[in-house]
Protein backbone atom coordinates (compact mmCIF):
# COMPACT_ATOMS: atom_id res chain seq x y z
CA MET A 1 13.03 -48.93 -64.21
CA GLU A 2 12.68 -52.69 -64.41
CA SER A 3 15.10 -54.82 -62.37
CA SER A 4 14.30 -58.09 -64.18
CA GLY A 5 16.98 -60.04 -65.97
CA ASP A 6 15.40 -59.66 -69.37
CA SER A 7 15.52 -55.83 -69.51
CA ILE A 8 17.95 -54.29 -71.85
CA ASP A 9 20.64 -52.33 -70.30
CA LEU A 10 20.95 -48.83 -71.51
CA ALA A 11 24.77 -48.81 -71.17
CA ILE A 12 24.71 -51.49 -73.90
CA LEU A 13 21.74 -50.05 -76.07
CA LEU A 14 23.16 -46.54 -76.47
CA PRO A 15 26.50 -47.34 -77.93
CA VAL A 16 24.99 -50.08 -80.17
CA LEU A 17 22.39 -47.74 -81.44
CA LEU A 18 24.98 -44.91 -81.97
CA GLY A 19 27.20 -47.30 -83.94
CA VAL A 20 24.35 -48.55 -86.11
CA THR A 21 23.15 -45.11 -86.78
CA LEU A 22 26.64 -43.88 -87.89
CA ILE A 23 27.24 -46.92 -90.10
CA LEU A 24 23.82 -46.71 -91.72
CA GLY A 25 23.91 -43.04 -92.19
CA TYR A 26 27.51 -43.02 -93.63
CA ALA A 27 26.59 -45.87 -96.07
CA VAL A 28 23.49 -44.00 -97.35
CA HIS A 29 25.63 -40.74 -97.67
CA MET A 30 28.43 -42.59 -99.63
CA VAL A 31 26.01 -44.28 -101.95
CA LEU A 32 24.29 -40.95 -102.69
CA ARG A 33 27.51 -39.13 -103.03
CA ASP A 34 28.82 -41.70 -105.53
CA LYS A 35 25.72 -41.01 -107.58
CA GLY A 36 26.54 -37.29 -107.64
CA LEU A 37 23.92 -36.32 -105.12
CA GLY A 38 26.40 -35.03 -102.38
CA ILE A 39 23.92 -32.46 -100.77
CA VAL A 40 21.14 -35.08 -100.73
CA GLY A 41 23.60 -37.50 -98.99
CA ASN A 42 24.15 -35.03 -96.18
CA GLY A 43 20.46 -34.68 -95.64
CA ALA A 44 20.01 -38.39 -95.75
CA PHE A 45 22.77 -38.70 -93.02
CA LEU A 46 20.73 -36.30 -90.87
CA MET A 47 17.48 -38.07 -91.54
CA VAL A 48 18.91 -41.34 -90.50
CA GLY A 49 20.08 -39.76 -87.27
CA LEU A 50 16.70 -38.20 -86.59
CA SER A 51 14.97 -41.46 -87.30
CA ALA A 52 17.21 -43.36 -84.95
CA GLY A 53 16.69 -40.74 -82.31
CA GLY A 54 12.87 -41.02 -82.67
CA PHE A 55 13.03 -44.95 -82.46
CA PHE A 56 15.31 -44.63 -79.26
CA MET A 57 12.86 -42.15 -77.59
CA SER A 58 9.85 -44.37 -78.38
CA PHE A 59 11.70 -47.40 -77.16
CA ILE A 60 12.60 -45.74 -73.86
CA GLN A 61 9.01 -44.53 -73.30
CA SER A 62 7.49 -47.94 -73.95
CA HIS A 63 10.07 -50.01 -71.96
CA PHE A 64 11.05 -47.87 -68.94
């Protein structure tokens, strides 16, 4: 792992990514639920989480 001052600390990155994922997934779910697509909203919430997980894994592999 890098010890330089410009590296991003995982202790900060993980909670921020989790918070953004939850907010974005919940927002997409609520919009789709309001349009009468509740089951699609649940799938959208899952897909947002999977996308964020994929982004996080690729970020970790490229930076650490």
